[in-house]
Each structure stands twice: as structure tokens, then as C-alpha cells.
């Protein structure tokens, strides 16, 4: 499976501290191993799956999209719950 990142995801990833990156990388590895682990959203965001994890004792949402036909996993965004879905619309 091919793994890609959006520009928004890359930009937010660069701003993290080293220990936050390590925690996020662990969560990303779990998603890569089993892309169906995240919750499929409904309505406007029906194309999105979201996995919830704790990064340095803070609930963090990781939004990603899976294309089963082309075997592509695209990490769209991550961040706290506040305004997460609004920013993706």
C-alpha cells in the first residue's frame, strides 16, 4: 500500500516536538497496518476516516483517506478535536 501525505499534514507535522513526532509515528504505523481501524465519517466527510489516539496526554484525531482500488492511504490532517471537522470541510 502506498502512503501519502497532504501539504496540510506535512506542515503540521514539521511543527511538532520530537517526543510528539514519536508518538504520532506510532499511531501512524498502527493505521498503516490496519487502515480500517478508524471510524468512517458520514455526510459531508464520508470520504474520511478518523482514528483517535493520545499524544502526550492529549486526545488527537488523525484524519485519513483510503482508496482500496489503487491501494493508496492518504493522511489528510491531525490535531485536537476543536475545529478539526470544521477545518476539513
Protein backbone atom coordinates (compact mmCIF):
# COMPACT_ATOMS: atom_id res chain seq x y z
CA UNK A 1 0.00 0.00 0.00
CA UNK A 2 1.31 3.41 -0.99
CA UNK A 3 1.27 6.06 1.77
CA UNK A 4 0.95 9.77 1.00
CA UNK A 5 0.51 12.99 2.98
CA UNK A 6 -1.26 16.22 2.15
CA UNK A 7 0.57 19.53 2.39
CA UNK A 8 -1.52 20.44 5.45
CA UNK A 9 -0.43 17.26 7.21
CA UNK A 10 3.26 17.81 6.39
CA UNK A 11 3.17 21.40 7.59
CA UNK A 12 1.58 20.46 10.93
CA UNK A 13 3.99 17.51 11.33
CA UNK A 14 7.03 19.80 10.98
CA UNK A 15 5.83 21.96 13.88
CA UNK A 16 5.77 19.07 16.38
CA UNK A 17 8.40 18.45 19.03
CA UNK A 18 10.50 15.29 18.79
CA UNK A 19 8.58 13.43 21.50
CA UNK A 20 5.24 14.33 19.85
CA UNK A 21 6.53 13.08 16.49
CA UNK A 22 7.50 9.76 18.04
CA UNK A 23 4.01 9.28 19.50
CA UNK A 24 2.36 10.30 16.22
CA UNK A 25 4.60 7.93 14.25
CA UNK A 26 3.45 5.03 16.47
CA UNK A 27 -0.18 5.91 15.74
CA UNK A 28 0.52 6.22 12.01
CA UNK A 29 2.16 2.77 11.98
CA UNK A 30 -0.98 1.29 13.55
CA UNK A 31 -3.11 2.91 10.84
CA UNK A 32 -0.81 1.69 8.06
CA UNK A 33 -1.02 -1.89 9.38
CA UNK A 34 -4.84 -1.77 9.58
CA UNK A 35 -6.46 1.13 7.67
CA UNK A 36 -9.95 0.05 8.77
CA UNK A 37 -9.17 0.90 12.41
CA UNK A 38 -10.51 4.43 12.08
CA UNK A 39 -14.15 5.42 12.21
CA UNK A 40 -15.79 6.13 8.83
CA UNK A 41 -17.46 9.54 8.89
CA UNK A 42 -20.88 10.34 7.42
CA UNK A 43 -22.36 13.20 5.44
CA UNK A 44 -20.00 15.83 4.02
CA UNK A 45 -16.97 13.95 5.30
CA UNK A 46 -18.00 10.48 4.12
CA UNK A 47 -14.66 10.13 2.34
CA UNK A 48 -12.78 10.48 5.64
CA UNK A 49 -11.75 8.01 8.32
CA UNK A 50 -10.66 9.26 11.76
CA UNK A 51 -8.50 7.46 14.31
CA UNK A 52 -8.35 8.81 17.86
CA UNK A 53 -5.15 8.48 19.88
CA UNK A 54 -3.39 10.13 22.80
CA UNK A 55 -0.24 12.10 22.07
CA UNK A 56 1.45 13.35 25.23
CA UNK A 57 -1.80 13.04 27.23
CA UNK A 58 -3.87 14.98 24.69
CA UNK A 59 -6.60 13.42 22.55
CA UNK A 60 -5.55 13.78 18.93
CA UNK A 61 -7.57 12.96 15.84
CA UNK A 62 -5.84 11.65 12.72
CA UNK A 63 -7.87 12.04 9.53
CA UNK A 64 -7.04 9.87 6.53
CA UNK A 65 -8.50 8.59 3.31
CA UNK A 66 -8.19 5.06 1.91
CA UNK A 67 -8.50 4.19 -1.78
CA UNK A 68 -8.84 0.40 -1.91
CA UNK A 69 -8.84 0.20 -5.70
CA UNK A 70 -5.49 1.93 -6.15
CA UNK A 71 -4.11 0.85 -2.74
CA UNK A 72 -3.37 4.39 -1.58
CA UNK A 73 -3.51 5.67 2.00
CA UNK A 74 -3.53 9.47 2.29
CA UNK A 75 -3.03 11.17 5.65
CA UNK A 76 -5.08 14.36 5.44
CA UNK A 77 -4.77 16.09 8.83
CA UNK A 78 -4.29 15.64 12.55
CA UNK A 79 -4.93 17.74 15.60
CA UNK A 80 -7.13 18.22 18.65
CA UNK A 81 -10.88 17.78 18.37
CA UNK A 82 -11.50 21.53 18.50
CA UNK A 83 -12.42 22.74 14.97
CA UNK A 84 -10.97 19.55 13.43
CA UNK A 85 -14.02 18.69 11.33
CA UNK A 86 -14.86 22.31 10.51
CA UNK A 87 -11.39 22.86 9.06
CA UNK A 88 -11.68 19.76 6.85
CA UNK A 89 -14.97 20.80 5.23
